[in-house]
Amino acid sequence: MADKELFCPVETTLSLISGKWKVMIVYYLLKDTKRFNQLQRDLNGITHRSLSKQLKEMEKDGLVIRNDYGEIPPRVEYSLSPLGRSLDPVLMSMHEWGIQYAENSIL
């Protein structure tokens, strides 16, 4: 297939973490396992629908693990898979770049 021949690692990475919220979801889950409502509070401004959609996509892509305890009231926790955790150096590089940009830019 022609698309497979045009493989670009950067494009692959971006396809998994692009969008307004995915990088920040990874950022907060790098710190600790979170329940849905805690993630929504951390991600100030995200809607319930958007967070649910992003988490489902990230679970499908193998970045996030959803642990449903099957309890009443429901208790569901989200954590990063080993693949998701492997994004840590990527986010730390972005963090450092952002600091350098802020220090060197004329605002």
N, C-alpha and C. Protein backbone atom coordinates (compact mmCIF):
# COMPACT_ATOMS: atom_id res chain seq x y z
N MET A 1 0.84 -1.18 0.00
CA MET A 1 0.00 0.00 0.00
C MET A 1 0.89 1.25 0.00
N ALA A 2 0.56 2.24 -0.79
CA ALA A 2 1.39 3.43 -0.96
C ALA A 2 1.54 4.20 0.34
N ASP A 3 0.50 4.28 1.18
CA ASP A 3 0.57 5.02 2.43
C ASP A 3 1.64 4.46 3.36
N LYS A 4 1.81 3.16 3.39
CA LYS A 4 2.81 2.52 4.24
C LYS A 4 4.22 2.92 3.83
N GLU A 5 4.43 3.16 2.54
CA GLU A 5 5.74 3.54 2.05
C GLU A 5 6.10 4.97 2.44
N LEU A 6 5.11 5.80 2.73
CA LEU A 6 5.35 7.19 3.10
C LEU A 6 5.36 7.36 4.61
N PHE A 7 5.77 6.35 5.34
CA PHE A 7 5.80 6.35 6.80
C PHE A 7 6.67 7.49 7.33
N CYS A 8 6.10 8.26 8.24
CA CYS A 8 6.84 9.34 8.89
C CYS A 8 6.63 9.20 10.40
N PRO A 9 7.69 8.95 11.17
CA PRO A 9 7.54 8.77 12.61
C PRO A 9 6.92 9.97 13.32
N VAL A 10 7.24 11.18 12.89
CA VAL A 10 6.67 12.37 13.51
C VAL A 10 5.17 12.41 13.28
N GLU A 11 4.76 12.09 12.06
CA GLU A 11 3.33 12.07 11.73
C GLU A 11 2.61 11.02 12.57
N THR A 12 3.23 9.88 12.77
CA THR A 12 2.63 8.82 13.60
C THR A 12 2.43 9.32 15.02
N THR A 13 3.46 9.93 15.59
CA THR A 13 3.37 10.45 16.95
C THR A 13 2.28 11.49 17.05
N LEU A 14 2.26 12.42 16.12
CA LEU A 14 1.24 13.47 16.14
C LEU A 14 -0.16 12.91 15.99
N SER A 15 -0.32 11.87 15.20
CA SER A 15 -1.66 11.29 15.02
C SER A 15 -2.18 10.70 16.33
N LEU A 16 -1.27 10.27 17.20
CA LEU A 16 -1.69 9.68 18.48
C LEU A 16 -1.93 10.71 19.57
N ILE A 17 -1.24 11.84 19.52
CA ILE A 17 -1.36 12.81 20.61
C ILE A 17 -1.85 14.19 20.16
N SER A 18 -2.28 14.30 18.91
CA SER A 18 -2.72 15.60 18.43
C SER A 18 -4.10 15.93 19.00
N GLY A 19 -4.42 17.18 18.93
CA GLY A 19 -5.69 17.66 19.46
C GLY A 19 -5.43 18.52 20.67
N LYS A 20 -6.48 19.15 21.12
CA LYS A 20 -6.37 20.11 22.20
C LYS A 20 -6.06 19.47 23.55
N TRP A 21 -6.51 18.23 23.77
CA TRP A 21 -6.48 17.67 25.11
C TRP A 21 -5.57 16.47 25.33
N LYS A 22 -5.22 15.74 24.32
CA LYS A 22 -4.50 14.47 24.52
C LYS A 22 -3.16 14.64 25.21
N VAL A 23 -2.40 15.63 24.83
CA VAL A 23 -1.10 15.84 25.47
C VAL A 23 -1.29 16.16 26.95
N MET A 24 -2.31 16.95 27.27
CA MET A 24 -2.54 17.30 28.67
C MET A 24 -3.08 16.10 29.45
N ILE A 25 -3.85 15.24 28.82
CA ILE A 25 -4.30 14.01 29.47
C ILE A 25 -3.08 13.17 29.83
N VAL A 26 -2.17 13.01 28.89
CA VAL A 26 -0.93 12.25 29.16
C VAL A 26 -0.16 12.92 30.30
N TYR A 27 -0.05 14.23 30.26
CA TYR A 27 0.67 14.97 31.29
C TYR A 27 0.12 14.66 32.69
N TYR A 28 -1.18 14.74 32.85
CA TYR A 28 -1.78 14.49 34.17
C TYR A 28 -1.71 13.02 34.57
N LEU A 29 -1.82 12.13 33.60
CA LEU A 29 -1.73 10.70 33.93
C LEU A 29 -0.29 10.27 34.19
N LEU A 30 0.69 11.02 33.72
CA LEU A 30 2.08 10.72 34.07
C LEU A 30 2.30 10.89 35.57
N LYS A 31 1.56 11.81 36.16
CA LYS A 31 1.70 12.09 37.59
C LYS A 31 1.08 10.99 38.44
N ASP A 32 -0.08 10.48 38.02
CA ASP A 32 -0.79 9.51 38.85
C ASP A 32 -2.00 8.97 38.10
N THR A 33 -2.51 7.83 38.57
CA THR A 33 -3.77 7.29 38.08
C THR A 33 -4.88 8.25 38.50
N LYS A 34 -5.84 8.45 37.61
CA LYS A 34 -6.91 9.42 37.90
C LYS A 34 -8.28 8.82 37.60
N ARG A 35 -9.25 9.27 38.36
CA ARG A 35 -10.63 8.96 38.04
C ARG A 35 -11.12 10.01 37.05
N PHE A 36 -12.21 9.70 36.36
CA PHE A 36 -12.72 10.55 35.29
C PHE A 36 -12.94 11.99 35.78
N ASN A 37 -13.67 12.14 36.88
CA ASN A 37 -14.00 13.49 37.35
C ASN A 37 -12.77 14.28 37.78
N GLN A 38 -11.77 13.60 38.31
CA GLN A 38 -10.54 14.29 38.68
C GLN A 38 -9.82 14.78 37.43
N LEU A 39 -9.78 13.95 36.40
CA LEU A 39 -9.18 14.39 35.14
C LEU A 39 -9.93 15.59 34.58
N GLN A 40 -11.24 15.56 34.65
CA GLN A 40 -12.04 16.66 34.12
C GLN A 40 -11.76 17.95 34.91
N ARG A 41 -11.58 17.84 36.22
CA ARG A 41 -11.23 19.03 37.02
C ARG A 41 -9.83 19.53 36.66
N ASP A 42 -8.89 18.59 36.48
CA ASP A 42 -7.52 18.98 36.12
C ASP A 42 -7.49 19.69 34.78
N LEU A 43 -8.28 19.19 33.85
CA LEU A 43 -8.33 19.75 32.49
C LEU A 43 -9.41 20.81 32.43
N ASN A 44 -9.23 21.85 33.16
CA ASN A 44 -10.23 22.91 33.27
C ASN A 44 -10.71 23.35 31.89
N GLY A 45 -11.99 23.18 31.62
CA GLY A 45 -12.57 23.62 30.36
C GLY A 45 -12.97 22.48 29.43
N ILE A 46 -12.55 21.25 29.70
CA ILE A 46 -12.93 20.14 28.83
C ILE A 46 -14.34 19.68 29.19
N THR A 47 -15.12 19.37 28.18
CA THR A 47 -16.46 18.86 28.44
C THR A 47 -16.41 17.37 28.74
N HIS A 48 -17.47 16.89 29.37
CA HIS A 48 -17.59 15.46 29.67
C HIS A 48 -17.48 14.64 28.39
N ARG A 49 -18.17 15.09 27.37
CA ARG A 49 -18.19 14.39 26.08
C ARG A 49 -16.80 14.34 25.45
N SER A 50 -16.11 15.48 25.45
CA SER A 50 -14.76 15.53 24.84
C SER A 50 -13.78 14.64 25.59
N LEU A 51 -13.82 14.68 26.92
CA LEU A 51 -12.90 13.85 27.69
C LEU A 51 -13.17 12.38 27.46
N SER A 52 -14.43 12.02 27.44
CA SER A 52 -14.80 10.62 27.20
C SER A 52 -14.30 10.16 25.83
N LYS A 53 -14.50 11.00 24.82
CA LYS A 53 -14.07 10.66 23.46
C LYS A 53 -12.55 10.53 23.38
N GLN A 54 -11.82 11.47 23.98
CA GLN A 54 -10.37 11.43 23.94
C GLN A 54 -9.83 10.18 24.65
N LEU A 55 -10.40 9.87 25.82
CA LEU A 55 -9.95 8.69 26.57
C LEU A 55 -10.23 7.40 25.80
N LYS A 56 -11.37 7.32 25.14
CA LYS A 56 -11.69 6.13 24.34
C LYS A 56 -10.70 5.97 23.18
N GLU A 57 -10.38 7.08 22.52
CA GLU A 57 -9.41 7.02 21.41
C GLU A 57 -8.04 6.61 21.92
N MET A 58 -7.64 7.15 23.05
CA MET A 58 -6.33 6.85 23.61
C MET A 58 -6.26 5.41 24.12
N GLU A 59 -7.38 4.90 24.62
CA GLU A 59 -7.43 3.50 25.03
C GLU A 59 -7.32 2.59 23.81
N LYS A 60 -8.02 2.94 22.75
CA LYS A 60 -7.97 2.17 21.50
C LYS A 60 -6.56 2.16 20.91
N ASP A 61 -5.86 3.28 21.06
CA ASP A 61 -4.50 3.40 20.52
C ASP A 61 -3.45 2.77 21.44
N GLY A 62 -3.88 2.30 22.60
CA GLY A 62 -2.96 1.62 23.51
C GLY A 62 -2.18 2.54 24.44
N LEU A 63 -2.60 3.81 24.54
CA LEU A 63 -1.89 4.76 25.40
C LEU A 63 -2.42 4.78 26.83
N VAL A 64 -3.71 4.49 26.97
CA VAL A 64 -4.39 4.59 28.26
C VAL A 64 -5.00 3.25 28.63
N ILE A 65 -4.97 2.95 29.93
CA ILE A 65 -5.62 1.76 30.46
C ILE A 65 -6.81 2.21 31.30
N ARG A 66 -7.96 1.64 31.00
CA ARG A 66 -9.19 1.93 31.75
C ARG A 66 -9.45 0.77 32.69
N ASN A 67 -9.52 1.06 33.97
CA ASN A 67 -9.77 0.02 34.96
C ASN A 67 -11.14 0.26 35.60
N ASP A 68 -12.12 -0.58 35.25
CA ASP A 68 -13.46 -0.50 35.79
C ASP A 68 -13.57 -1.52 36.91
N TYR A 69 -13.82 -1.05 38.11
CA TYR A 69 -13.87 -1.92 39.28
C TYR A 69 -15.21 -2.65 39.42
N GLY A 70 -16.20 -2.31 38.60
CA GLY A 70 -17.49 -2.98 38.63
C GLY A 70 -18.24 -2.80 39.94
N GLU A 71 -18.05 -1.65 40.56
CA GLU A 71 -18.69 -1.36 41.84
C GLU A 71 -19.87 -0.43 41.66
N ILE A 72 -20.71 -0.41 42.69
CA ILE A 72 -21.80 0.55 42.74
C ILE A 72 -21.55 1.40 43.99
N PRO A 73 -21.43 2.71 43.89
CA PRO A 73 -21.40 3.51 42.68
C PRO A 73 -20.17 3.17 41.82
N PRO A 74 -20.29 3.46 40.53
CA PRO A 74 -19.20 3.11 39.61
C PRO A 74 -17.87 3.75 40.00
N ARG A 75 -16.82 2.96 39.87
CA ARG A 75 -15.46 3.47 40.09
C ARG A 75 -14.61 3.03 38.91
N VAL A 76 -14.18 4.00 38.14
CA VAL A 76 -13.34 3.76 36.97
C VAL A 76 -12.12 4.64 37.09
N GLU A 77 -10.95 4.05 36.88
CA GLU A 77 -9.70 4.79 36.94
C GLU A 77 -8.96 4.67 35.62
N TYR A 78 -8.22 5.71 35.30
CA TYR A 78 -7.44 5.75 34.07
C TYR A 78 -5.97 5.90 34.43
N SER A 79 -5.14 5.16 33.72
CA SER A 79 -3.69 5.26 33.89
C SER A 79 -3.04 5.11 32.52
N LEU A 80 -1.78 5.42 32.46
CA LEU A 80 -1.05 5.25 31.21
C LEU A 80 -0.52 3.83 31.09
N SER A 81 -0.60 3.31 29.91
CA SER A 81 0.02 2.02 29.60
C SER A 81 1.53 2.26 29.50
N PRO A 82 2.32 1.20 29.42
CA PRO A 82 3.76 1.41 29.18
C PRO A 82 4.03 2.24 27.91
N LEU A 83 3.22 2.03 26.88
CA LEU A 83 3.36 2.83 25.67
C LEU A 83 3.08 4.31 25.96
N GLY A 84 2.02 4.58 26.71
CA GLY A 84 1.70 5.95 27.09
C GLY A 84 2.79 6.56 27.94
N ARG A 85 3.35 5.79 28.87
CA ARG A 85 4.44 6.27 29.73
C ARG A 85 5.69 6.59 28.93
N SER A 86 5.85 5.92 27.80
CA SER A 86 7.03 6.18 26.98
C SER A 86 7.00 7.58 26.35
N LEU A 87 5.87 8.28 26.46
CA LEU A 87 5.77 9.66 25.96
C LEU A 87 6.37 10.67 26.94
N ASP A 88 6.77 10.23 28.12
CA ASP A 88 7.32 11.13 29.13
C ASP A 88 8.46 11.98 28.58
N PRO A 89 9.49 11.40 27.95
CA PRO A 89 10.57 12.26 27.44
C PRO A 89 10.11 13.22 26.35
N VAL A 90 9.11 12.83 25.59
CA VAL A 90 8.57 13.72 24.55
C VAL A 90 7.95 14.95 25.20
N LEU A 91 7.12 14.72 26.24
CA LEU A 91 6.49 15.84 26.94
C LEU A 91 7.52 16.69 27.68
N MET A 92 8.53 16.07 28.27
CA MET A 92 9.56 16.83 28.97
C MET A 92 10.35 17.70 27.99
N SER A 93 10.60 17.19 26.79
CA SER A 93 11.27 18.00 25.76
C SER A 93 10.38 19.18 25.35
N MET A 94 9.08 18.94 25.22
CA MET A 94 8.15 20.02 24.90
C MET A 94 8.12 21.05 26.03
N HIS A 95 8.17 20.58 27.26
CA HIS A 95 8.19 21.46 28.43
C HIS A 95 9.42 22.37 28.39
N GLU A 96 10.58 21.78 28.17
CA GLU A 96 11.81 22.55 28.12
C GLU A 96 11.80 23.54 26.95
N TRP A 97 11.29 23.11 25.81
CA TRP A 97 11.21 24.00 24.66
C TRP A 97 10.31 25.18 24.98
N GLY A 98 9.17 24.91 25.64
CA GLY A 98 8.24 25.97 26.00
C GLY A 98 8.86 27.00 26.94
N ILE A 99 9.66 26.52 27.88
CA ILE A 99 10.35 27.44 28.80
C ILE A 99 11.33 28.32 28.02
N GLN A 100 12.12 27.71 27.14
CA GLN A 100 13.09 28.47 26.35
C GLN A 100 12.39 29.47 25.45
N TYR A 101 11.28 29.06 24.86
CA TYR A 101 10.53 29.97 23.98
C TYR A 101 10.03 31.17 24.78
N ALA A 102 9.46 30.89 25.95
CA ALA A 102 8.92 31.97 26.78
C ALA A 102 10.01 32.94 27.22
N GLU A 103 11.18 32.42 27.53
CA GLU A 103 12.30 33.27 27.97
C GLU A 103 12.87 34.10 26.83
N ASN A 104 12.81 33.59 25.61
CA ASN A 104 13.47 34.25 24.49
C ASN A 104 12.52 35.03 23.57
N SER A 105 11.23 34.88 23.78
CA SER A 105 10.29 35.54 22.87
C SER A 105 9.95 36.93 23.37
N ILE A 106 9.61 37.77 22.44
CA ILE A 106 9.16 39.10 22.77
C ILE A 106 7.63 39.08 22.76
N LEU A 107 7.07 39.22 23.92
CA LEU A 107 5.61 39.15 24.04
C LEU A 107 4.98 40.50 24.07
